[in-house]
Amino acid sequence: MLRLDTQIYLWCLVDSPGITSAIAEQITEVDGVFVRTACIWEASSKIGLGKLEAQISDLVQGIEASGFMELPVSTEDAGQVASLAPIHQDPFDGLLVA
């Protein structure tokens, strides 16, 4: 199982050169690639702030079109954020890790 963070997921959608051969190999060889709901939330927030140009519908549809699976954020996941070390100031990172 592999969970993609928002940046890697976005790179996958546009076939970015940021996806190294090592990353591409991991994505293709693993049983189950997941995109957290929090990735779409984070991208949506960045679109609203003008920091990302994308259509939410494309990002949502891109999960299944890429052969990935959606991984919802549960209330238990959200609660686990409190127990994580405060490495980042970004609340989305906490949800992605949890």
PDB file of N, CA and C in Angstrom:
ATOM      1  N   MET A   1       0.839  -1.180   0.000  1.00  0.00           N
ATOM      2  CA  MET A   1       0.000   0.000   0.000  1.00  0.00           C
ATOM      3  C   MET A   1       0.883   1.241   0.000  1.00  0.00           C
ATOM      4  N   LEU A   2       0.490   2.221  -0.779  1.00  0.00           N
ATOM      5  CA  LEU A   2       1.221   3.474  -0.871  1.00  0.00           C
ATOM      6  C   LEU A   2       0.224   4.617  -0.819  1.00  0.00           C
ATOM      7  N   ARG A   3       0.488   5.588   0.057  1.00  0.00           N
ATOM      8  CA  ARG A   3      -0.342   6.792   0.127  1.00  0.00           C
ATOM      9  C   ARG A   3       0.443   7.943  -0.474  1.00  0.00           C
ATOM     10  N   LEU A   4      -0.150   8.604  -1.447  1.00  0.00           N
ATOM     11  CA  LEU A   4       0.521   9.723  -2.094  1.00  0.00           C
ATOM     12  C   LEU A   4       0.223  11.015  -1.352  1.00  0.00           C
ATOM     13  N   ASP A   5       1.231  11.876  -1.256  1.00  0.00           N
ATOM     14  CA  ASP A   5       0.938  13.202  -0.732  1.00  0.00           C
ATOM     15  C   ASP A   5       0.413  14.055  -1.880  1.00  0.00           C
ATOM     16  N   THR A   6      -0.033  15.235  -1.564  1.00  0.00           N
ATOM     17  CA  THR A   6      -0.706  16.077  -2.550  1.00  0.00           C
ATOM     18  C   THR A   6       0.199  16.390  -3.740  1.00  0.00           C
ATOM     19  N   GLN A   7       1.433  16.792  -3.489  1.00  0.00           N
ATOM     20  CA  GLN A   7       2.340  17.175  -4.569  1.00  0.00           C
ATOM     21  C   GLN A   7       2.609  16.011  -5.513  1.00  0.00           C
ATOM     22  N   ILE A   8       2.872  14.841  -4.960  1.00  0.00           N
ATOM     23  CA  ILE A   8       3.139  13.673  -5.807  1.00  0.00           C
ATOM     24  C   ILE A   8       1.896  13.328  -6.624  1.00  0.00           C
ATOM     25  N   TYR A   9       0.718  13.388  -6.006  1.00  0.00           N
ATOM     26  CA  TYR A   9      -0.509  13.106  -6.743  1.00  0.00           C
ATOM     27  C   TYR A   9      -0.678  14.086  -7.900  1.00  0.00           C
ATOM     28  N   LEU A  10      -0.490  15.372  -7.642  1.00  0.00           N
ATOM     29  CA  LEU A  10      -0.625  16.370  -8.697  1.00  0.00           C
ATOM     30  C   LEU A  10       0.387  16.127  -9.815  1.00  0.00           C
ATOM     31  N   TRP A  11       1.606  15.775  -9.438  1.00  0.00           N
ATOM     32  CA  TRP A  11       2.625  15.464 -10.442  1.00  0.00           C
ATOM     33  C   TRP A  11       2.221  14.258 -11.282  1.00  0.00           C
ATOM     34  N   CYS A  12       1.621  13.260 -10.648  1.00  0.00           N
ATOM     35  CA  CYS A  12       1.162  12.078 -11.393  1.00  0.00           C
ATOM     36  C   CYS A  12       0.134  12.455 -12.441  1.00  0.00           C
ATOM     37  N   LEU A  13      -0.744  13.381 -12.102  1.00  0.00           N
ATOM     38  CA  LEU A  13      -1.807  13.775 -13.026  1.00  0.00           C
ATOM     39  C   LEU A  13      -1.272  14.463 -14.282  1.00  0.00           C
ATOM     40  N   VAL A  14      -0.160  15.178 -14.138  1.00  0.00           N
ATOM     41  CA  VAL A  14       0.377  15.926 -15.281  1.00  0.00           C
ATOM     42  C   VAL A  14       1.651  15.300 -15.841  1.00  0.00           C
ATOM     43  N   ASP A  15       1.971  14.103 -15.379  1.00  0.00           N
ATOM     44  CA  ASP A  15       3.171  13.400 -15.841  1.00  0.00           C
ATOM     45  C   ASP A  15       4.407  14.284 -15.706  1.00  0.00           C
ATOM     46  N   SER A  16       4.570  14.865 -14.528  1.00  0.00           N
ATOM     47  CA  SER A  16       5.656  15.801 -14.249  1.00  0.00           C
ATOM     48  C   SER A  16       7.016  15.109 -14.212  1.00  0.00           C
ATOM     49  N   PRO A  17       8.061  15.818 -14.623  1.00  0.00           N
ATOM     50  CA  PRO A  17       9.411  15.277 -14.481  1.00  0.00           C
ATOM     51  C   PRO A  17       9.832  15.152 -13.013  1.00  0.00           C
ATOM     52  N   GLY A  18       9.022  15.718 -12.113  1.00  0.00           N
ATOM     53  CA  GLY A  18       9.293  15.553 -10.684  1.00  0.00           C
ATOM     54  C   GLY A  18       9.122  14.110 -10.220  1.00  0.00           C
ATOM     55  N   ILE A  19       8.391  13.326 -11.020  1.00  0.00           N
ATOM     56  CA  ILE A  19       8.217  11.904 -10.712  1.00  0.00           C
ATOM     57  C   ILE A  19       9.445  11.175 -11.241  1.00  0.00           C
ATOM     58  N   THR A  20      10.353  10.883 -10.354  1.00  0.00           N
ATOM     59  CA  THR A  20      11.577  10.190 -10.751  1.00  0.00           C
ATOM     60  C   THR A  20      11.261   8.748 -11.128  1.00  0.00           C
ATOM     61  N   SER A  21      12.211   8.100 -11.745  1.00  0.00           N
ATOM     62  CA  SER A  21      11.997   6.701 -12.122  1.00  0.00           C
ATOM     63  C   SER A  21      11.803   5.830 -10.883  1.00  0.00           C
ATOM     64  N   ALA A  22      12.463   6.172  -9.790  1.00  0.00           N
ATOM     65  CA  ALA A  22      12.306   5.405  -8.543  1.00  0.00           C
ATOM     66  C   ALA A  22      10.888   5.548  -7.990  1.00  0.00           C
ATOM     67  N   ILE A  23      10.356   6.762  -8.029  1.00  0.00           N
ATOM     68  CA  ILE A  23       8.990   6.983  -7.549  1.00  0.00           C
ATOM     69  C   ILE A  23       8.002   6.280  -8.465  1.00  0.00           C
ATOM     70  N   ALA A  24       8.178   6.419  -9.769  1.00  0.00           N
ATOM     71  CA  ALA A  24       7.280   5.775 -10.732  1.00  0.00           C
ATOM     72  C   ALA A  24       7.284   4.265 -10.539  1.00  0.00           C
ATOM     73  N   GLU A  25       8.447   3.705 -10.279  1.00  0.00           N
ATOM     74  CA  GLU A  25       8.544   2.257 -10.055  1.00  0.00           C
ATOM     75  C   GLU A  25       7.770   1.841  -8.812  1.00  0.00           C
ATOM     76  N   GLN A  26       7.910   2.595  -7.729  1.00  0.00           N
ATOM     77  CA  GLN A  26       7.158   2.290  -6.507  1.00  0.00           C
ATOM     78  C   GLN A  26       5.657   2.339  -6.766  1.00  0.00           C
ATOM     79  N   ILE A  27       5.212   3.354  -7.491  1.00  0.00           N
ATOM     80  CA  ILE A  27       3.782   3.516  -7.758  1.00  0.00           C
ATOM     81  C   ILE A  27       3.244   2.364  -8.595  1.00  0.00           C
ATOM     82  N   THR A  28       4.006   1.925  -9.583  1.00  0.00           N
ATOM     83  CA  THR A  28       3.505   0.862 -10.460  1.00  0.00           C
ATOM     84  C   THR A  28       3.619  -0.528  -9.855  1.00  0.00           C
ATOM     85  N   GLU A  29       4.529  -0.721  -8.907  1.00  0.00           N
ATOM     86  CA  GLU A  29       4.755  -2.061  -8.372  1.00  0.00           C
ATOM     87  C   GLU A  29       3.984  -2.384  -7.097  1.00  0.00           C
ATOM     88  N   VAL A  30       3.433  -1.392  -6.445  1.00  0.00           N
ATOM     89  CA  VAL A  30       2.770  -1.612  -5.168  1.00  0.00           C
ATOM     90  C   VAL A  30       1.321  -2.059  -5.375  1.00  0.00           C
ATOM     91  N   ASP A  31       0.829  -2.838  -4.430  1.00  0.00           N
ATOM     92  CA  ASP A  31      -0.579  -3.233  -4.448  1.00  0.00           C
ATOM     93  C   ASP A  31      -1.398  -2.153  -3.759  1.00  0.00           C
ATOM     94  N   GLY A  32      -1.971  -1.268  -4.516  1.00  0.00           N
ATOM     95  CA  GLY A  32      -2.850  -0.248  -3.966  1.00  0.00           C
ATOM     96  C   GLY A  32      -2.168   1.083  -3.743  1.00  0.00           C
ATOM     97  N   VAL A  33      -2.540   2.056  -4.555  1.00  0.00           N
ATOM     98  CA  VAL A  33      -2.060   3.427  -4.393  1.00  0.00           C
ATOM     99  C   VAL A  33      -3.264   4.264  -3.978  1.00  0.00           C
ATOM    100  N   PHE A  34      -3.109   4.961  -2.869  1.00  0.00           N
ATOM    101  CA  PHE A  34      -4.213   5.715  -2.285  1.00  0.00           C
ATOM    102  C   PHE A  34      -3.939   7.214  -2.317  1.00  0.00           C
ATOM    103  N   VAL A  35      -5.015   7.963  -2.520  1.00  0.00           N
ATOM    104  CA  VAL A  35      -4.983   9.422  -2.438  1.00  0.00           C
ATOM    105  C   VAL A  35      -5.951   9.808  -1.329  1.00  0.00           C
ATOM    106  N   ARG A  36      -5.435  10.445  -0.292  1.00  0.00           N
ATOM    107  CA  ARG A  36      -6.275  10.854   0.833  1.00  0.00           C
ATOM    108  C   ARG A  36      -7.232  11.965   0.430  1.00  0.00           C
ATOM    109  N   THR A  37      -8.394  11.952   1.006  1.00  0.00           N
ATOM    110  CA  THR A  37      -9.357  13.033   0.838  1.00  0.00           C
ATOM    111  C   THR A  37      -8.702  14.374   1.169  1.00  0.00           C
ATOM    112  N   ALA A  38      -7.802  14.367   2.123  1.00  0.00           N
ATOM    113  CA  ALA A  38      -7.104  15.589   2.526  1.00  0.00           C
ATOM    114  C   ALA A  38      -6.284  16.184   1.381  1.00  0.00           C
ATOM    115  N   CYS A  39      -5.849  15.370   0.428  1.00  0.00           N
ATOM    116  CA  CYS A  39      -5.124  15.894  -0.737  1.00  0.00           C
ATOM    117  C   CYS A  39      -6.025  16.788  -1.578  1.00  0.00           C
ATOM    118  N   ILE A  40      -7.251  16.346  -1.771  1.00  0.00           N
ATOM    119  CA  ILE A  40      -8.199  17.146  -2.547  1.00  0.00           C
ATOM    120  C   ILE A  40      -8.563  18.411  -1.782  1.00  0.00           C
ATOM    121  N   TRP A  41      -8.710  18.280  -0.477  1.00  0.00           N
ATOM    122  CA  TRP A  41      -9.003  19.441   0.373  1.00  0.00           C
ATOM    123  C   TRP A  41      -7.857  20.455   0.275  1.00  0.00           C
ATOM    124  N   GLU A  42      -6.615  19.967   0.376  1.00  0.00           N
ATOM    125  CA  GLU A  42      -5.465  20.862   0.300  1.00  0.00           C
ATOM    126  C   GLU A  42      -5.393  21.540  -1.071  1.00  0.00           C
ATOM    127  N   ALA A  43      -5.584  20.771  -2.132  1.00  0.00           N
ATOM    128  CA  ALA A  43      -5.551  21.346  -3.476  1.00  0.00           C
ATOM    129  C   ALA A  43      -6.661  22.381  -3.638  1.00  0.00           C
ATOM    130  N   SER A  44      -7.831  22.083  -3.127  1.00  0.00           N
ATOM    131  CA  SER A  44      -8.954  23.012  -3.196  1.00  0.00           C
ATOM    132  C   SER A  44      -8.624  24.320  -2.484  1.00  0.00           C
ATOM    133  N   SER A  45      -7.991  24.207  -1.344  1.00  0.00           N
ATOM    134  CA  SER A  45      -7.583  25.390  -0.592  1.00  0.00           C
ATOM    135  C   SER A  45      -6.588  26.225  -1.398  1.00  0.00           C
ATOM    136  N   LYS A  46      -5.632  25.562  -2.035  1.00  0.00           N
ATOM    137  CA  LYS A  46      -4.624  26.275  -2.833  1.00  0.00           C
ATOM    138  C   LYS A  46      -5.246  26.913  -4.079  1.00  0.00           C
ATOM    139  N   ILE A  47      -6.238  26.255  -4.668  1.00  0.00           N
ATOM    140  CA  ILE A  47      -6.949  26.842  -5.801  1.00  0.00           C
ATOM    141  C   ILE A  47      -7.648  28.118  -5.346  1.00  0.00           C
ATOM    142  N   GLY A  48      -8.313  28.052  -4.193  1.00  0.00           N
ATOM    143  CA  GLY A  48      -9.004  29.215  -3.649  1.00  0.00           C
ATOM    144  C   GLY A  48      -8.083  30.382  -3.346  1.00  0.00           C
ATOM    145  N   LEU A  49      -6.841  30.075  -2.975  1.00  0.00           N
ATOM    146  CA  LEU A  49      -5.854  31.117  -2.668  1.00  0.00           C
ATOM    147  C   LEU A  49      -5.118  31.616  -3.911  1.00  0.00           C
ATOM    148  N   GLY A  50      -5.398  30.984  -5.046  1.00  0.00           N
ATOM    149  CA  GLY A  50      -4.719  31.377  -6.274  1.00  0.00           C
ATOM    150  C   GLY A  50      -3.326  30.795  -6.416  1.00  0.00           C
ATOM    151  N   LYS A  51      -2.980  29.790  -5.622  1.00  0.00           N
ATOM    152  CA  LYS A  51      -1.650  29.185  -5.668  1.00  0.00           C
ATOM    153  C   LYS A  51      -1.584  27.951  -6.565  1.00  0.00           C
ATOM    154  N   LEU A  52      -2.739  27.509  -7.077  1.00  0.00           N
ATOM    155  CA  LEU A  52      -2.801  26.330  -7.932  1.00  0.00           C
ATOM    156  C   LEU A  52      -3.891  26.549  -8.969  1.00  0.00           C
ATOM    157  N   GLU A  53      -3.558  26.266 -10.216  1.00  0.00           N
ATOM    158  CA  GLU A  53      -4.546  26.339 -11.287  1.00  0.00           C
ATOM    159  C   GLU A  53      -4.950  24.923 -11.647  1.00  0.00           C
ATOM    160  N   ALA A  54      -6.161  24.568 -11.307  1.00  0.00           N
ATOM    161  CA  ALA A  54      -6.685  23.238 -11.589  1.00  0.00           C
ATOM    162  C   ALA A  54      -8.193  23.263 -11.385  1.00  0.00           C
ATOM    163  N   GLN A  55      -8.845  22.266 -11.925  1.00  0.00           N
ATOM    164  CA  GLN A  55     -10.273  22.090 -11.713  1.00  0.00           C
ATOM    165  C   GLN A  55     -10.452  20.965 -10.694  1.00  0.00           C
ATOM    166  N   ILE A  56     -11.199  21.222  -9.658  1.00  0.00           N
ATOM    167  CA  ILE A  56     -11.431  20.202  -8.631  1.00  0.00           C
ATOM    168  C   ILE A  56     -11.999  18.934  -9.251  1.00  0.00           C
ATOM    169  N   SER A  57     -12.912  19.077 -10.189  1.00  0.00           N
ATOM    170  CA  SER A  57     -13.508  17.886 -10.808  1.00  0.00           C
ATOM    171  C   SER A  57     -12.441  17.027 -11.479  1.00  0.00           C
ATOM    172  N   ASP A  58     -11.433  17.654 -12.082  1.00  0.00           N
ATOM    173  CA  ASP A  58     -10.340  16.896 -12.706  1.00  0.00           C
ATOM    174  C   ASP A  58      -9.511  16.167 -11.648  1.00  0.00           C
ATOM    175  N   LEU A  59      -9.290  16.820 -10.516  1.00  0.00           N
ATOM    176  CA  LEU A  59      -8.503  16.191  -9.452  1.00  0.00           C
ATOM    177  C   LEU A  59      -9.237  15.003  -8.853  1.00  0.00           C
ATOM    178  N   VAL A  60     -10.538  15.160  -8.656  1.00  0.00           N
ATOM    179  CA  VAL A  60     -11.349  14.079  -8.096  1.00  0.00           C
ATOM    180  C   VAL A  60     -11.424  12.916  -9.085  1.00  0.00           C
ATOM    181  N   GLN A  61     -11.727  13.214 -10.340  1.00  0.00           N
ATOM    182  CA  GLN A  61     -11.835  12.162 -11.349  1.00  0.00           C
ATOM    183  C   GLN A  61     -10.485  11.522 -11.639  1.00  0.00           C
ATOM    184  N   GLY A  62      -9.414  12.269 -11.435  1.00  0.00           N
ATOM    185  CA  GLY A  62      -8.069  11.757 -11.692  1.00  0.00           C
ATOM    186  C   GLY A  62      -7.677  10.620 -10.778  1.00  0.00           C
ATOM    187  N   ILE A  63      -8.289  10.537  -9.616  1.00  0.00           N
ATOM    188  CA  ILE A  63      -7.963   9.444  -8.692  1.00  0.00           C
ATOM    189  C   ILE A  63      -8.278   8.110  -9.353  1.00  0.00           C
ATOM    190  N   GLU A  64      -9.515   7.931  -9.744  1.00  0.00           N
ATOM    191  CA  GLU A  64      -9.926   6.674 -10.359  1.00  0.00           C
ATOM    192  C   GLU A  64      -9.291   6.487 -11.733  1.00  0.00           C
ATOM    193  N   ALA A  65      -9.205   7.574 -12.514  1.00  0.00           N
ATOM    194  CA  ALA A  65      -8.631   7.488 -13.855  1.00  0.00           C
ATOM    195  C   ALA A  65      -7.170   7.045 -13.827  1.00  0.00           C
ATOM    196  N   SER A  66      -6.478   7.347 -12.745  1.00  0.00           N
ATOM    197  CA  SER A  66      -5.077   6.952 -12.594  1.00  0.00           C
ATOM    198  C   SER A  66      -4.926   5.535 -12.048  1.00  0.00           C
ATOM    199  N   GLY A  67      -6.055   4.932 -11.699  1.00  0.00           N
ATOM    200  CA  GLY A  67      -5.995   3.598 -11.103  1.00  0.00           C
ATOM    201  C   GLY A  67      -5.732   3.642  -9.606  1.00  0.00           C
ATOM    202  N   PHE A  68      -5.822   4.836  -9.029  1.00  0.00           N
ATOM    203  CA  PHE A  68      -5.622   4.998  -7.595  1.00  0.00           C
ATOM    204  C   PHE A  68      -6.950   4.807  -6.876  1.00  0.00           C
ATOM    205  N   MET A  69      -6.893   4.770  -5.566  1.00  0.00           N
ATOM    206  CA  MET A  69      -8.100   4.636  -4.755  1.00  0.00           C
ATOM    207  C   MET A  69      -8.171   5.789  -3.760  1.00  0.00           C
ATOM    208  N   GLU A  70      -9.390   6.224  -3.503  1.00  0.00           N
ATOM    209  CA  GLU A  70      -9.611   7.291  -2.528  1.00  0.00           C
ATOM    210  C   GLU A  70      -9.495   6.724  -1.122  1.00  0.00           C
ATOM    211  N   LEU A  71      -8.815   7.463  -0.266  1.00  0.00           N
ATOM    212  CA  LEU A  71      -8.681   7.074   1.134  1.00  0.00           C
ATOM    213  C   LEU A  71      -9.279   8.193   1.979  1.00  0.00           C
ATOM    214  N   PRO A  72     -10.503   7.983   2.475  1.00  0.00           N
ATOM    215  CA  PRO A  72     -11.164   9.031   3.254  1.00  0.00           C
ATOM    216  C   PRO A  72     -10.425   9.326   4.570  1.00  0.00           C
ATOM    217  N   VAL A  73     -10.681  10.484   5.098  1.00  0.00           N
ATOM    218  CA  VAL A  73     -10.180  10.856   6.425  1.00  0.00           C
ATOM    219  C   VAL A  73     -11.294  10.553   7.413  1.00  0.00           C
ATOM    220  N   SER A  74     -11.034   9.658   8.335  1.00  0.00           N
ATOM    221  CA  SER A  74     -12.030   9.311   9.340  1.00  0.00           C
ATOM    222  C   SER A  74     -11.885  10.218  10.565  1.00  0.00           C
ATOM    223  N   THR A  75     -12.849  10.164  11.431  1.00  0.00           N
ATOM    224  CA  THR A  75     -12.750  10.934  12.677  1.00  0.00           C
ATOM    225  C   THR A  75     -11.580  10.429  13.515  1.00  0.00           C
ATOM    226  N   GLU A  76     -11.310   9.138  13.456  1.00  0.00           N
ATOM    227  CA  GLU A  76     -10.151   8.595  14.187  1.00  0.00           C
ATOM    228  C   GLU A  76      -8.850   9.158  13.626  1.00  0.00           C
ATOM    229  N   ASP A  77      -8.743   9.232  12.293  1.00  0.00           N
ATOM    230  CA  ASP A  77      -7.560   9.825  11.662  1.00  0.00           C
ATOM    231  C   ASP A  77      -7.369  11.264  12.134  1.00  0.00           C
ATOM    232  N   ALA A  78      -8.451  12.028  12.100  1.00  0.00           N
ATOM    233  CA  ALA A  78      -8.377  13.435  12.506  1.00  0.00           C
ATOM    234  C   ALA A  78      -7.929  13.561  13.956  1.00  0.00           C
ATOM    235  N   GLY A  79      -8.406  12.662  14.808  1.00  0.00           N
ATOM    236  CA  GLY A  79      -8.018  12.689  16.219  1.00  0.00           C
ATOM    237  C   GLY A  79      -6.561  12.337  16.443  1.00  0.00           C
ATOM    238  N   GLN A  80      -5.985  11.524  15.568  1.00  0.00           N
ATOM    239  CA  GLN A  80      -4.585  11.127  15.721  1.00  0.00           C
ATOM    240  C   GLN A  80      -3.612  12.269  15.443  1.00  0.00           C
ATOM    241  N   VAL A  81      -4.081  13.302  14.764  1.00  0.00           N
ATOM    242  CA  VAL A  81      -3.218  14.442  14.460  1.00  0.00           C
ATOM    243  C   VAL A  81      -2.659  15.057  15.744  1.00  0.00           C
ATOM    244  N   ALA A  82      -3.451  15.051  16.808  1.00  0.00           N
ATOM    245  CA  ALA A  82      -3.018  15.645  18.077  1.00  0.00           C
ATOM    246  C   ALA A  82      -1.807  14.933  18.665  1.00  0.00           C
ATOM    247  N   SER A  83      -1.608  13.658  18.341  1.00  0.00           N
ATOM    248  CA  SER A  83      -0.495  12.907  18.917  1.00  0.00           C
ATOM    249  C   SER A  83       0.781  12.977  18.078  1.00  0.00           C
ATOM    250  N   LEU A  84       0.717  13.640  16.926  1.00  0.00           N
ATOM    251  CA  LEU A  84       1.887  13.747  16.061  1.00  0.00           C
ATOM    252  C   LEU A  84       2.806  14.867  16.520  1.00  0.00           C
ATOM    253  N   ALA A  85       4.096  14.674  16.292  1.00  0.00           N
ATOM    254  CA  ALA A  85       5.059  15.740  16.588  1.00  0.00           C
ATOM    255  C   ALA A  85       4.784  16.919  15.659  1.00  0.00           C
ATOM    256  N   PRO A  86       4.825  18.125  16.181  1.00  0.00           N
ATOM    257  CA  PRO A  86       4.507  19.303  15.358  1.00  0.00           C
ATOM    258  C   PRO A  86       5.670  19.687  14.436  1.00  0.00           C
ATOM    259  N   ILE A  87       5.970  18.810  13.475  1.00  0.00           N
ATOM    260  CA  ILE A  87       7.095  19.040  12.562  1.00  0.00           C
ATOM    261  C   ILE A  87       6.762  20.157  11.579  1.00  0.00           C
ATOM    262  N   HIS A  88       5.543  20.162  11.087  1.00  0.00           N
ATOM    263  CA  HIS A  88       5.134  21.136  10.085  1.00  0.00           C
ATOM    264  C   HIS A  88       4.019  22.019  10.652  1.00  0.00           C
ATOM    265  N   GLN A  89       3.948  23.212  10.136  1.00  0.00           N
ATOM    266  CA  GLN A  89       2.864  24.115  10.511  1.00  0.00           C
ATOM    267  C   GLN A  89       1.624  23.867   9.658  1.00  0.00           C
ATOM    268  N   ASP A  90       1.766  23.064   8.607  1.00  0.00           N
ATOM    269  CA  ASP A  90       0.678  22.812   7.668  1.00  0.00           C
ATOM    270  C   ASP A  90      -0.261  21.742   8.216  1.00  0.00           C
ATOM    271  N   PRO A  91      -1.527  22.078   8.478  1.00  0.00           N
ATOM    272  CA  PRO A  91      -2.452  21.094   9.041  1.00  0.00           C
ATOM    273  C   PRO A  91      -2.736  19.927   8.096  1.00  0.00           C
ATOM    274  N   PHE A  92      -2.579  20.137   6.789  1.00  0.00           N
ATOM    275  CA  PHE A  92      -2.815  19.054   5.830  1.00  0.00           C
ATOM    276  C   PHE A  92      -1.764  17.957   5.983  1.00  0.00           C
ATOM    277  N   ASP A  93      -0.540  18.343   6.298  1.00  0.00           N
ATOM    278  CA  ASP A  93       0.514  17.334   6.488  1.00  0.00           C
ATOM    279  C   ASP A  93       0.142  16.393   7.613  1.00  0.00           C
ATOM    280  N   GLY A  94      -0.427  16.911   8.689  1.00  0.00           N
ATOM    281  CA  GLY A  94      -0.838  16.076   9.805  1.00  0.00           C
ATOM    282  C   GLY A  94      -1.893  15.066   9.400  1.00  0.00           C
ATOM    283  N   LEU A  95      -2.872  15.508   8.620  1.00  0.00           N
ATOM    284  CA  LEU A  95      -3.920  14.582   8.169  1.00  0.00           C
ATOM    285  C   LEU A  95      -3.364  13.541   7.220  1.00  0.00           C
ATOM    286  N   LEU A  96      -2.410  13.924   6.382  1.00  0.00           N
ATOM    287  CA  LEU A  96      -1.822  12.960   5.447  1.00  0.00           C
ATOM    288  C   LEU A  96      -1.017  11.898   6.195  1.00  0.00           C
ATOM    289  N   VAL A  97      -0.322  12.307   7.249  1.00  0.00           N
ATOM    290  CA  VAL A  97       0.472  11.365   8.038  1.00  0.00           C
ATOM    291  C   VAL A  97      -0.422  10.465   8.872  1.00  0.00           C
ATOM    292  N   ALA A  98      -1.453  11.056   9.488  1.00  0.00           N
ATOM    293  CA  ALA A  98      -2.343  10.291  10.349  1.00  0.00           C
ATOM    294  C   ALA A  98      -3.029   9.205   9.546  1.00  0.00           C
TER     295      ALA A  98
END
